[in-house]
ModelCIF file with pLDDT and N, C-alpha, C, O atoms, coordinates in Angstrom:
data_MODEL
#
_entry.id   MODEL 
#
_entity.id                         1 
_entity.type                       polymer 
_entity.pdbx_number_of_molecules   1 
#
_entity_poly.entity_id                      1 
_entity_poly.type                           'polypeptide(L)' 
_entity_poly.nstd_linkage                   no 
_entity_poly.nstd_monomer                   no 
_entity_poly.pdbx_seq_one_letter_code       KEVGASEGMGLGLSISYGLVQSFGGNIRGVNREGGGAEFTVELQPAD 
_entity_poly.pdbx_seq_one_letter_code_can   KEVGASEGMGLGLSISYGLVQSFGGNIRGVNREGGGAEFTVELQPAD 
_entity_poly.pdbx_strand_id                 A 
#
loop_
_entity_poly_seq.entity_id 
_entity_poly_seq.num 
_entity_poly_seq.mon_id 
_entity_poly_seq.hetero 
1 1  LYS n 
1 2  GLU n 
1 3  VAL n 
1 4  GLY n 
1 5  ALA n 
1 6  SER n 
1 7  GLU n 
1 8  GLY n 
1 9  MET n 
1 10 GLY n 
1 11 LEU n 
1 12 GLY n 
1 13 LEU n 
1 14 SER n 
1 15 ILE n 
1 16 SER n 
1 17 TYR n 
1 18 GLY n 
1 19 LEU n 
1 20 VAL n 
1 21 GLN n 
1 22 SER n 
1 23 PHE n 
1 24 GLY n 
1 25 GLY n 
1 26 ASN n 
1 27 ILE n 
1 28 ARG n 
1 29 GLY n 
1 30 VAL n 
1 31 ASN n 
1 32 ARG n 
1 33 GLU n 
1 34 GLY n 
1 35 GLY n 
1 36 GLY n 
1 37 ALA n 
1 38 GLU n 
1 39 PHE n 
1 40 THR n 
1 41 VAL n 
1 42 GLU n 
1 43 LEU n 
1 44 GLN n 
1 45 PRO n 
1 46 ALA n 
1 47 ASP n 
#
_struct_asym.id          A 
_struct_asym.entity_id   1 
#
loop_
_ma_qa_metric.id 
_ma_qa_metric.mode 
_ma_qa_metric.name 
_ma_qa_metric.software_group_id 
_ma_qa_metric.type 
1 global pLDDT . pLDDT 
2 local  pLDDT . pLDDT 
#
_ma_qa_metric_global.metric_id      1 
_ma_qa_metric_global.metric_value   79.66 
_ma_qa_metric_global.model_id       1 
_ma_qa_metric_global.ordinal_id     1 
#
loop_
_ma_qa_metric_local.label_asym_id 
_ma_qa_metric_local.label_comp_id 
_ma_qa_metric_local.label_seq_id 
_ma_qa_metric_local.metric_id 
_ma_qa_metric_local.metric_value 
_ma_qa_metric_local.model_id 
_ma_qa_metric_local.ordinal_id 
A LYS 1  2 63.00 1 1  
A GLU 2  2 55.00 1 2  
A VAL 3  2 46.00 1 3  
A GLY 4  2 44.00 1 4  
A ALA 5  2 45.00 1 5  
A SER 6  2 45.00 1 6  
A GLU 7  2 49.00 1 7  
A GLY 8  2 51.00 1 8  
A MET 9  2 55.00 1 9  
A GLY 10 2 62.00 1 10 
A LEU 11 2 66.00 1 11 
A GLY 12 2 74.00 1 12 
A LEU 13 2 81.00 1 13 
A SER 14 2 80.00 1 14 
A ILE 15 2 81.00 1 15 
A SER 16 2 83.00 1 16 
A TYR 17 2 87.00 1 17 
A GLY 18 2 83.00 1 18 
A LEU 19 2 84.00 1 19 
A VAL 20 2 90.00 1 20 
A GLN 21 2 88.00 1 21 
A SER 22 2 86.00 1 22 
A PHE 23 2 86.00 1 23 
A GLY 24 2 89.00 1 24 
A GLY 25 2 91.00 1 25 
A ASN 26 2 93.00 1 26 
A ILE 27 2 92.00 1 27 
A ARG 28 2 91.00 1 28 
A GLY 29 2 90.00 1 29 
A VAL 30 2 91.00 1 30 
A ASN 31 2 90.00 1 31 
A ARG 32 2 88.00 1 32 
A GLU 33 2 87.00 1 33 
A GLY 34 2 82.00 1 34 
A GLY 35 2 85.00 1 35 
A GLY 36 2 89.00 1 36 
A ALA 37 2 90.00 1 37 
A GLU 38 2 92.00 1 38 
A PHE 39 2 92.00 1 39 
A THR 40 2 94.00 1 40 
A VAL 41 2 94.00 1 41 
A GLU 42 2 94.00 1 42 
A LEU 43 2 93.00 1 43 
A GLN 44 2 92.00 1 44 
A PRO 45 2 93.00 1 45 
A ALA 46 2 86.00 1 46 
A ASP 47 2 82.00 1 47 
#
loop_
_atom_site.group_PDB 
_atom_site.id 
_atom_site.type_symbol 
_atom_site.label_atom_id 
_atom_site.label_alt_id 
_atom_site.label_comp_id 
_atom_site.label_asym_id 
_atom_site.label_entity_id 
_atom_site.label_seq_id 
_atom_site.pdbx_PDB_ins_code 
_atom_site.Cartn_x 
_atom_site.Cartn_y 
_atom_site.Cartn_z 
_atom_site.occupancy 
_atom_site.B_iso_or_equiv 
_atom_site.pdbx_formal_charge 
_atom_site.auth_seq_id 
_atom_site.auth_comp_id 
_atom_site.auth_asym_id 
_atom_site.auth_atom_id 
_atom_site.pdbx_PDB_model_num 
ATOM 1   N N  . LYS A 1 1  ? 15.997  -12.658 3.364  1.00 63.00 ? 1  LYS A N  1 
ATOM 2   C CA . LYS A 1 1  ? 16.233  -11.434 2.496  1.00 63.00 ? 1  LYS A CA 1 
ATOM 3   C C  . LYS A 1 1  ? 16.687  -10.235 3.726  1.00 63.00 ? 1  LYS A C  1 
ATOM 4   O O  . LYS A 1 1  ? 16.565  -10.321 4.948  1.00 63.00 ? 1  LYS A O  1 
ATOM 5   N N  . GLU A 1 2  ? 17.177  -9.254  2.995  1.00 55.00 ? 2  GLU A N  1 
ATOM 6   C CA . GLU A 1 2  ? 17.980  -7.770  4.081  1.00 55.00 ? 2  GLU A CA 1 
ATOM 7   C C  . GLU A 1 2  ? 16.461  -7.586  4.468  1.00 55.00 ? 2  GLU A C  1 
ATOM 8   O O  . GLU A 1 2  ? 15.379  -7.940  4.002  1.00 55.00 ? 2  GLU A O  1 
ATOM 9   N N  . VAL A 1 3  ? 17.108  -6.539  6.024  1.00 46.00 ? 3  VAL A N  1 
ATOM 10  C CA . VAL A 1 3  ? 16.453  -6.113  6.916  1.00 46.00 ? 3  VAL A CA 1 
ATOM 11  C C  . VAL A 1 3  ? 15.704  -4.799  6.157  1.00 46.00 ? 3  VAL A C  1 
ATOM 12  O O  . VAL A 1 3  ? 16.383  -3.940  5.596  1.00 46.00 ? 3  VAL A O  1 
ATOM 13  N N  . GLY A 1 4  ? 14.565  -4.754  6.193  1.00 44.00 ? 4  GLY A N  1 
ATOM 14  C CA . GLY A 1 4  ? 13.646  -3.348  5.514  1.00 44.00 ? 4  GLY A CA 1 
ATOM 15  C C  . GLY A 1 4  ? 13.400  -3.563  4.069  1.00 44.00 ? 4  GLY A C  1 
ATOM 16  O O  . GLY A 1 4  ? 12.655  -2.774  3.488  1.00 44.00 ? 4  GLY A O  1 
ATOM 17  N N  . ALA A 1 5  ? 13.968  -4.585  3.402  1.00 45.00 ? 5  ALA A N  1 
ATOM 18  C CA . ALA A 1 5  ? 13.384  -4.679  2.101  1.00 45.00 ? 5  ALA A CA 1 
ATOM 19  C C  . ALA A 1 5  ? 11.990  -5.039  2.297  1.00 45.00 ? 5  ALA A C  1 
ATOM 20  O O  . ALA A 1 5  ? 11.424  -5.656  3.199  1.00 45.00 ? 5  ALA A O  1 
ATOM 21  N N  . SER A 1 6  ? 11.518  -4.415  1.060  1.00 45.00 ? 6  SER A N  1 
ATOM 22  C CA . SER A 1 6  ? 9.858   -4.523  1.042  1.00 45.00 ? 6  SER A CA 1 
ATOM 23  C C  . SER A 1 6  ? 9.399   -6.038  0.751  1.00 45.00 ? 6  SER A C  1 
ATOM 24  O O  . SER A 1 6  ? 8.234   -6.384  0.949  1.00 45.00 ? 6  SER A O  1 
ATOM 25  N N  . GLU A 1 7  ? 10.261  -6.814  0.329  1.00 49.00 ? 7  GLU A N  1 
ATOM 26  C CA . GLU A 1 7  ? 9.336   -8.385  0.002  1.00 49.00 ? 7  GLU A CA 1 
ATOM 27  C C  . GLU A 1 7  ? 9.996   -9.216  1.685  1.00 49.00 ? 7  GLU A C  1 
ATOM 28  O O  . GLU A 1 7  ? 9.478   -10.242 2.123  1.00 49.00 ? 7  GLU A O  1 
ATOM 29  N N  . GLY A 1 8  ? 10.870  -8.686  2.205  1.00 51.00 ? 8  GLY A N  1 
ATOM 30  C CA . GLY A 1 8  ? 11.480  -9.591  3.324  1.00 51.00 ? 8  GLY A CA 1 
ATOM 31  C C  . GLY A 1 8  ? 10.718  -9.358  4.608  1.00 51.00 ? 8  GLY A C  1 
ATOM 32  O O  . GLY A 1 8  ? 11.318  -8.752  5.495  1.00 51.00 ? 8  GLY A O  1 
ATOM 33  N N  . MET A 1 9  ? 9.235   -9.834  4.874  1.00 55.00 ? 9  MET A N  1 
ATOM 34  C CA . MET A 1 9  ? 8.731   -9.584  6.095  1.00 55.00 ? 9  MET A CA 1 
ATOM 35  C C  . MET A 1 9  ? 8.722   -11.001 6.533  1.00 55.00 ? 9  MET A C  1 
ATOM 36  O O  . MET A 1 9  ? 8.425   -10.948 7.726  1.00 55.00 ? 9  MET A O  1 
ATOM 37  N N  . GLY A 1 10 ? 8.895   -12.263 6.185  1.00 62.00 ? 10 GLY A N  1 
ATOM 38  C CA . GLY A 1 10 ? 8.937   -13.374 6.533  1.00 62.00 ? 10 GLY A CA 1 
ATOM 39  C C  . GLY A 1 10 ? 7.552   -13.993 6.616  1.00 62.00 ? 10 GLY A C  1 
ATOM 40  O O  . GLY A 1 10 ? 7.592   -14.987 7.340  1.00 62.00 ? 10 GLY A O  1 
ATOM 41  N N  . LEU A 1 11 ? 6.648   -13.812 6.251  1.00 66.00 ? 11 LEU A N  1 
ATOM 42  C CA . LEU A 1 11 ? 5.162   -14.270 6.155  1.00 66.00 ? 11 LEU A CA 1 
ATOM 43  C C  . LEU A 1 11 ? 4.686   -15.417 5.193  1.00 66.00 ? 11 LEU A C  1 
ATOM 44  O O  . LEU A 1 11 ? 3.932   -16.369 5.392  1.00 66.00 ? 11 LEU A O  1 
ATOM 45  N N  . GLY A 1 12 ? 5.211   -15.103 4.352  1.00 74.00 ? 12 GLY A N  1 
ATOM 46  C CA . GLY A 1 12 ? 4.651   -15.812 2.903  1.00 74.00 ? 12 GLY A CA 1 
ATOM 47  C C  . GLY A 1 12 ? 4.739   -17.300 3.004  1.00 74.00 ? 12 GLY A C  1 
ATOM 48  O O  . GLY A 1 12 ? 3.769   -17.959 2.629  1.00 74.00 ? 12 GLY A O  1 
ATOM 49  N N  . LEU A 1 13 ? 5.943   -17.977 3.533  1.00 81.00 ? 13 LEU A N  1 
ATOM 50  C CA . LEU A 1 13 ? 5.949   -19.182 3.793  1.00 81.00 ? 13 LEU A CA 1 
ATOM 51  C C  . LEU A 1 13 ? 5.517   -19.715 4.667  1.00 81.00 ? 13 LEU A C  1 
ATOM 52  O O  . LEU A 1 13 ? 5.658   -20.938 4.633  1.00 81.00 ? 13 LEU A O  1 
ATOM 53  N N  . SER A 1 14 ? 4.920   -19.238 5.655  1.00 80.00 ? 14 SER A N  1 
ATOM 54  C CA . SER A 1 14 ? 4.160   -19.321 6.643  1.00 80.00 ? 14 SER A CA 1 
ATOM 55  C C  . SER A 1 14 ? 2.595   -19.689 6.675  1.00 80.00 ? 14 SER A C  1 
ATOM 56  O O  . SER A 1 14 ? 1.896   -20.530 7.240  1.00 80.00 ? 14 SER A O  1 
ATOM 57  N N  . ILE A 1 15 ? 2.393   -18.548 5.709  1.00 81.00 ? 15 ILE A N  1 
ATOM 58  C CA . ILE A 1 15 ? 0.899   -18.354 5.254  1.00 81.00 ? 15 ILE A CA 1 
ATOM 59  C C  . ILE A 1 15 ? 0.608   -19.596 4.429  1.00 81.00 ? 15 ILE A C  1 
ATOM 60  O O  . ILE A 1 15 ? -0.411  -20.259 4.620  1.00 81.00 ? 15 ILE A O  1 
ATOM 61  N N  . SER A 1 16 ? 1.589   -19.931 3.432  1.00 83.00 ? 16 SER A N  1 
ATOM 62  C CA . SER A 1 16 ? 1.584   -21.190 2.437  1.00 83.00 ? 16 SER A CA 1 
ATOM 63  C C  . SER A 1 16 ? 1.217   -22.260 3.124  1.00 83.00 ? 16 SER A C  1 
ATOM 64  O O  . SER A 1 16 ? 0.326   -23.030 2.766  1.00 83.00 ? 16 SER A O  1 
ATOM 65  N N  . TYR A 1 17 ? 1.928   -22.367 4.208  1.00 87.00 ? 17 TYR A N  1 
ATOM 66  C CA . TYR A 1 17 ? 2.150   -23.514 4.709  1.00 87.00 ? 17 TYR A CA 1 
ATOM 67  C C  . TYR A 1 17 ? 0.445   -23.795 5.794  1.00 87.00 ? 17 TYR A C  1 
ATOM 68  O O  . TYR A 1 17 ? -0.122  -24.837 6.125  1.00 87.00 ? 17 TYR A O  1 
ATOM 69  N N  . GLY A 1 18 ? 0.214   -22.780 5.974  1.00 83.00 ? 18 GLY A N  1 
ATOM 70  C CA . GLY A 1 18 ? -0.890  -22.854 6.801  1.00 83.00 ? 18 GLY A CA 1 
ATOM 71  C C  . GLY A 1 18 ? -2.259  -23.180 5.604  1.00 83.00 ? 18 GLY A C  1 
ATOM 72  O O  . GLY A 1 18 ? -3.185  -23.953 5.848  1.00 83.00 ? 18 GLY A O  1 
ATOM 73  N N  . LEU A 1 19 ? -2.130  -22.524 4.526  1.00 84.00 ? 19 LEU A N  1 
ATOM 74  C CA . LEU A 1 19 ? -2.999  -22.646 3.442  1.00 84.00 ? 19 LEU A CA 1 
ATOM 75  C C  . LEU A 1 19 ? -3.043  -24.384 2.981  1.00 84.00 ? 19 LEU A C  1 
ATOM 76  O O  . LEU A 1 19 ? -4.089  -25.025 2.880  1.00 84.00 ? 19 LEU A O  1 
ATOM 77  N N  . VAL A 1 20 ? -1.842  -24.864 2.772  1.00 90.00 ? 20 VAL A N  1 
ATOM 78  C CA . VAL A 1 20 ? -1.536  -26.215 2.055  1.00 90.00 ? 20 VAL A CA 1 
ATOM 79  C C  . VAL A 1 20 ? -2.218  -27.284 3.293  1.00 90.00 ? 20 VAL A C  1 
ATOM 80  O O  . VAL A 1 20 ? -2.697  -28.394 3.062  1.00 90.00 ? 20 VAL A O  1 
ATOM 81  N N  . GLN A 1 21 ? -2.134  -26.751 4.376  1.00 88.00 ? 21 GLN A N  1 
ATOM 82  C CA . GLN A 1 21 ? -2.588  -27.455 5.484  1.00 88.00 ? 21 GLN A CA 1 
ATOM 83  C C  . GLN A 1 21 ? -4.065  -27.900 5.604  1.00 88.00 ? 21 GLN A C  1 
ATOM 84  O O  . GLN A 1 21 ? -4.598  -28.980 5.856  1.00 88.00 ? 21 GLN A O  1 
ATOM 85  N N  . SER A 1 22 ? -4.613  -26.414 5.273  1.00 86.00 ? 22 SER A N  1 
ATOM 86  C CA . SER A 1 22 ? -6.109  -26.545 5.309  1.00 86.00 ? 22 SER A CA 1 
ATOM 87  C C  . SER A 1 22 ? -6.698  -27.351 4.206  1.00 86.00 ? 22 SER A C  1 
ATOM 88  O O  . SER A 1 22 ? -7.850  -27.754 4.371  1.00 86.00 ? 22 SER A O  1 
ATOM 89  N N  . PHE A 1 23 ? -5.992  -27.679 2.963  1.00 86.00 ? 23 PHE A N  1 
ATOM 90  C CA . PHE A 1 23 ? -6.275  -28.322 1.928  1.00 86.00 ? 23 PHE A CA 1 
ATOM 91  C C  . PHE A 1 23 ? -6.273  -29.954 2.403  1.00 86.00 ? 23 PHE A C  1 
ATOM 92  O O  . PHE A 1 23 ? -6.914  -30.840 1.839  1.00 86.00 ? 23 PHE A O  1 
ATOM 93  N N  . GLY A 1 24 ? -5.470  -30.108 3.478  1.00 89.00 ? 24 GLY A N  1 
ATOM 94  C CA . GLY A 1 24 ? -5.358  -31.873 3.553  1.00 89.00 ? 24 GLY A CA 1 
ATOM 95  C C  . GLY A 1 24 ? -3.846  -32.450 3.308  1.00 89.00 ? 24 GLY A C  1 
ATOM 96  O O  . GLY A 1 24 ? -3.460  -33.609 3.459  1.00 89.00 ? 24 GLY A O  1 
ATOM 97  N N  . GLY A 1 25 ? -3.035  -31.196 2.845  1.00 91.00 ? 25 GLY A N  1 
ATOM 98  C CA . GLY A 1 25 ? -1.738  -31.610 2.226  1.00 91.00 ? 25 GLY A CA 1 
ATOM 99  C C  . GLY A 1 25 ? -0.626  -31.277 2.735  1.00 91.00 ? 25 GLY A C  1 
ATOM 100 O O  . GLY A 1 25 ? -0.691  -31.320 3.963  1.00 91.00 ? 25 GLY A O  1 
ATOM 101 N N  . ASN A 1 26 ? 0.559   -30.904 2.276  1.00 93.00 ? 26 ASN A N  1 
ATOM 102 C CA . ASN A 1 26 ? 1.702   -31.028 3.137  1.00 93.00 ? 26 ASN A CA 1 
ATOM 103 C C  . ASN A 1 26 ? 2.931   -30.255 2.030  1.00 93.00 ? 26 ASN A C  1 
ATOM 104 O O  . ASN A 1 26 ? 2.859   -30.271 0.801  1.00 93.00 ? 26 ASN A O  1 
ATOM 105 N N  . ILE A 1 27 ? 3.845   -29.714 2.717  1.00 92.00 ? 27 ILE A N  1 
ATOM 106 C CA . ILE A 1 27 ? 4.659   -28.704 2.153  1.00 92.00 ? 27 ILE A CA 1 
ATOM 107 C C  . ILE A 1 27 ? 6.064   -28.864 2.793  1.00 92.00 ? 27 ILE A C  1 
ATOM 108 O O  . ILE A 1 27 ? 6.226   -29.059 3.997  1.00 92.00 ? 27 ILE A O  1 
ATOM 109 N N  . ARG A 1 28 ? 6.892   -28.781 2.043  1.00 91.00 ? 28 ARG A N  1 
ATOM 110 C CA . ARG A 1 28 ? 8.529   -29.000 2.627  1.00 91.00 ? 28 ARG A CA 1 
ATOM 111 C C  . ARG A 1 28 ? 9.712   -28.450 1.429  1.00 91.00 ? 28 ARG A C  1 
ATOM 112 O O  . ARG A 1 28 ? 9.707   -28.494 0.199  1.00 91.00 ? 28 ARG A O  1 
ATOM 113 N N  . GLY A 1 29 ? 10.651  -27.949 2.380  1.00 90.00 ? 29 GLY A N  1 
ATOM 114 C CA . GLY A 1 29 ? 11.511  -27.314 1.502  1.00 90.00 ? 29 GLY A CA 1 
ATOM 115 C C  . GLY A 1 29 ? 12.762  -27.755 1.804  1.00 90.00 ? 29 GLY A C  1 
ATOM 116 O O  . GLY A 1 29 ? 13.022  -27.710 3.006  1.00 90.00 ? 29 GLY A O  1 
ATOM 117 N N  . VAL A 1 30 ? 13.872  -28.290 0.876  1.00 91.00 ? 30 VAL A N  1 
ATOM 118 C CA . VAL A 1 30 ? 15.330  -29.012 1.178  1.00 91.00 ? 30 VAL A CA 1 
ATOM 119 C C  . VAL A 1 30 ? 16.345  -28.088 0.213  1.00 91.00 ? 30 VAL A C  1 
ATOM 120 O O  . VAL A 1 30 ? 15.854  -27.461 -0.726 1.00 91.00 ? 30 VAL A O  1 
ATOM 121 N N  . ASN A 1 31 ? 17.519  -28.043 0.437  1.00 90.00 ? 31 ASN A N  1 
ATOM 122 C CA . ASN A 1 31 ? 18.512  -27.779 -0.336 1.00 90.00 ? 31 ASN A CA 1 
ATOM 123 C C  . ASN A 1 31 ? 18.717  -28.874 -1.417 1.00 90.00 ? 31 ASN A C  1 
ATOM 124 O O  . ASN A 1 31 ? 18.626  -30.057 -1.090 1.00 90.00 ? 31 ASN A O  1 
ATOM 125 N N  . ARG A 1 32 ? 19.033  -28.458 -2.892 1.00 88.00 ? 32 ARG A N  1 
ATOM 126 C CA . ARG A 1 32 ? 19.338  -29.225 -3.956 1.00 88.00 ? 32 ARG A CA 1 
ATOM 127 C C  . ARG A 1 32 ? 20.877  -29.648 -3.833 1.00 88.00 ? 32 ARG A C  1 
ATOM 128 O O  . ARG A 1 32 ? 21.634  -28.724 -3.536 1.00 88.00 ? 32 ARG A O  1 
ATOM 129 N N  . GLU A 1 33 ? 21.407  -30.814 -4.005 1.00 87.00 ? 33 GLU A N  1 
ATOM 130 C CA . GLU A 1 33 ? 22.694  -31.232 -4.006 1.00 87.00 ? 33 GLU A CA 1 
ATOM 131 C C  . GLU A 1 33 ? 23.547  -30.173 -5.029 1.00 87.00 ? 33 GLU A C  1 
ATOM 132 O O  . GLU A 1 33 ? 24.602  -29.706 -4.600 1.00 87.00 ? 33 GLU A O  1 
ATOM 133 N N  . GLY A 1 34 ? 23.168  -29.875 -6.121 1.00 82.00 ? 34 GLY A N  1 
ATOM 134 C CA . GLY A 1 34 ? 24.080  -28.663 -6.787 1.00 82.00 ? 34 GLY A CA 1 
ATOM 135 C C  . GLY A 1 34 ? 23.665  -27.479 -6.791 1.00 82.00 ? 34 GLY A C  1 
ATOM 136 O O  . GLY A 1 34 ? 23.838  -26.687 -7.717 1.00 82.00 ? 34 GLY A O  1 
ATOM 137 N N  . GLY A 1 35 ? 23.076  -27.253 -5.747 1.00 85.00 ? 35 GLY A N  1 
ATOM 138 C CA . GLY A 1 35 ? 22.902  -25.652 -5.274 1.00 85.00 ? 35 GLY A CA 1 
ATOM 139 C C  . GLY A 1 35 ? 21.214  -25.349 -5.479 1.00 85.00 ? 35 GLY A C  1 
ATOM 140 O O  . GLY A 1 35 ? 20.378  -25.970 -6.135 1.00 85.00 ? 35 GLY A O  1 
ATOM 141 N N  . GLY A 1 36 ? 21.103  -24.218 -4.695 1.00 89.00 ? 36 GLY A N  1 
ATOM 142 C CA . GLY A 1 36 ? 19.529  -24.078 -4.664 1.00 89.00 ? 36 GLY A CA 1 
ATOM 143 C C  . GLY A 1 36 ? 18.693  -24.734 -3.881 1.00 89.00 ? 36 GLY A C  1 
ATOM 144 O O  . GLY A 1 36 ? 19.124  -25.625 -3.148 1.00 89.00 ? 36 GLY A O  1 
ATOM 145 N N  . ALA A 1 37 ? 17.241  -24.370 -3.912 1.00 90.00 ? 37 ALA A N  1 
ATOM 146 C CA . ALA A 1 37 ? 16.376  -24.598 -3.069 1.00 90.00 ? 37 ALA A CA 1 
ATOM 147 C C  . ALA A 1 37 ? 15.455  -25.295 -4.077 1.00 90.00 ? 37 ALA A C  1 
ATOM 148 O O  . ALA A 1 37 ? 15.400  -25.151 -5.299 1.00 90.00 ? 37 ALA A O  1 
ATOM 149 N N  . GLU A 1 38 ? 14.448  -26.422 -2.917 1.00 92.00 ? 38 GLU A N  1 
ATOM 150 C CA . GLU A 1 38 ? 13.483  -27.269 -3.766 1.00 92.00 ? 38 GLU A CA 1 
ATOM 151 C C  . GLU A 1 38 ? 12.587  -27.309 -2.909 1.00 92.00 ? 38 GLU A C  1 
ATOM 152 O O  . GLU A 1 38 ? 12.936  -27.939 -1.910 1.00 92.00 ? 38 GLU A O  1 
ATOM 153 N N  . PHE A 1 39 ? 11.096  -26.711 -2.855 1.00 92.00 ? 39 PHE A N  1 
ATOM 154 C CA . PHE A 1 39 ? 10.383  -27.052 -2.406 1.00 92.00 ? 39 PHE A CA 1 
ATOM 155 C C  . PHE A 1 39 ? 9.047   -27.896 -3.081 1.00 92.00 ? 39 PHE A C  1 
ATOM 156 O O  . PHE A 1 39 ? 8.512   -27.670 -4.167 1.00 92.00 ? 39 PHE A O  1 
ATOM 157 N N  . THR A 1 40 ? 8.705   -28.905 -2.109 1.00 94.00 ? 40 THR A N  1 
ATOM 158 C CA . THR A 1 40 ? 7.364   -30.028 -2.676 1.00 94.00 ? 40 THR A CA 1 
ATOM 159 C C  . THR A 1 40 ? 6.225   -29.839 -1.713 1.00 94.00 ? 40 THR A C  1 
ATOM 160 O O  . THR A 1 40 ? 6.188   -29.906 -0.484 1.00 94.00 ? 40 THR A O  1 
ATOM 161 N N  . VAL A 1 41 ? 5.237   -29.566 -2.682 1.00 94.00 ? 41 VAL A N  1 
ATOM 162 C CA . VAL A 1 41 ? 3.755   -29.318 -2.266 1.00 94.00 ? 41 VAL A CA 1 
ATOM 163 C C  . VAL A 1 41 ? 2.997   -30.618 -2.632 1.00 94.00 ? 41 VAL A C  1 
ATOM 164 O O  . VAL A 1 41 ? 2.885   -31.028 -3.787 1.00 94.00 ? 41 VAL A O  1 
ATOM 165 N N  . GLU A 1 42 ? 2.494   -31.219 -1.544 1.00 94.00 ? 42 GLU A N  1 
ATOM 166 C CA . GLU A 1 42 ? 1.789   -32.457 -1.958 1.00 94.00 ? 42 GLU A CA 1 
ATOM 167 C C  . GLU A 1 42 ? 0.325   -32.357 -1.650 1.00 94.00 ? 42 GLU A C  1 
ATOM 168 O O  . GLU A 1 42 ? -0.080  -32.121 -0.512 1.00 94.00 ? 42 GLU A O  1 
ATOM 169 N N  . LEU A 1 43 ? -0.597  -32.573 -2.863 1.00 93.00 ? 43 LEU A N  1 
ATOM 170 C CA . LEU A 1 43 ? -2.092  -32.088 -2.549 1.00 93.00 ? 43 LEU A CA 1 
ATOM 171 C C  . LEU A 1 43 ? -2.670  -33.823 -2.817 1.00 93.00 ? 43 LEU A C  1 
ATOM 172 O O  . LEU A 1 43 ? -2.062  -34.740 -3.368 1.00 93.00 ? 43 LEU A O  1 
ATOM 173 N N  . GLN A 1 44 ? -3.839  -33.822 -2.292 1.00 92.00 ? 44 GLN A N  1 
ATOM 174 C CA . GLN A 1 44 ? -5.064  -34.731 -2.413 1.00 92.00 ? 44 GLN A CA 1 
ATOM 175 C C  . GLN A 1 44 ? -5.609  -35.044 -3.635 1.00 92.00 ? 44 GLN A C  1 
ATOM 176 O O  . GLN A 1 44 ? -6.094  -33.980 -4.021 1.00 92.00 ? 44 GLN A O  1 
ATOM 177 N N  . PRO A 1 45 ? -5.805  -35.864 -4.446 1.00 93.00 ? 45 PRO A N  1 
ATOM 178 C CA . PRO A 1 45 ? -6.228  -35.816 -5.811 1.00 93.00 ? 45 PRO A CA 1 
ATOM 179 C C  . PRO A 1 45 ? -7.787  -35.362 -5.698 1.00 93.00 ? 45 PRO A C  1 
ATOM 180 O O  . PRO A 1 45 ? -8.412  -36.077 -4.916 1.00 93.00 ? 45 PRO A O  1 
ATOM 181 N N  . ALA A 1 46 ? -8.300  -34.668 -6.108 1.00 86.00 ? 46 ALA A N  1 
ATOM 182 C CA . ALA A 1 46 ? -9.867  -34.419 -6.284 1.00 86.00 ? 46 ALA A CA 1 
ATOM 183 C C  . ALA A 1 46 ? -10.698 -35.531 -6.276 1.00 86.00 ? 46 ALA A C  1 
ATOM 184 O O  . ALA A 1 46 ? -11.759 -35.383 -5.670 1.00 86.00 ? 46 ALA A O  1 
ATOM 185 N N  . ASP A 1 47 ? -10.495 -36.554 -6.771 1.00 82.00 ? 47 ASP A N  1 
ATOM 186 C CA . ASP A 1 47 ? -11.297 -37.833 -6.802 1.00 82.00 ? 47 ASP A CA 1 
ATOM 187 C C  . ASP A 1 47 ? -11.180 -38.769 -5.477 1.00 82.00 ? 47 ASP A C  1 
ATOM 188 O O  . ASP A 1 47 ? -11.800 -39.831 -5.414 1.00 82.00 ? 47 ASP A O  1 
#
């Protein structure tokens, strides 16, 4: 995001990565073939 924007501090995904790891899961992000981004979060079932 643009430098100086109120939303562009670059910590959101880093924090999300740490939280998902603490749940014993995984998170990854890739570019879609038709354009755009796709994020996948993998979590353990409760059972």
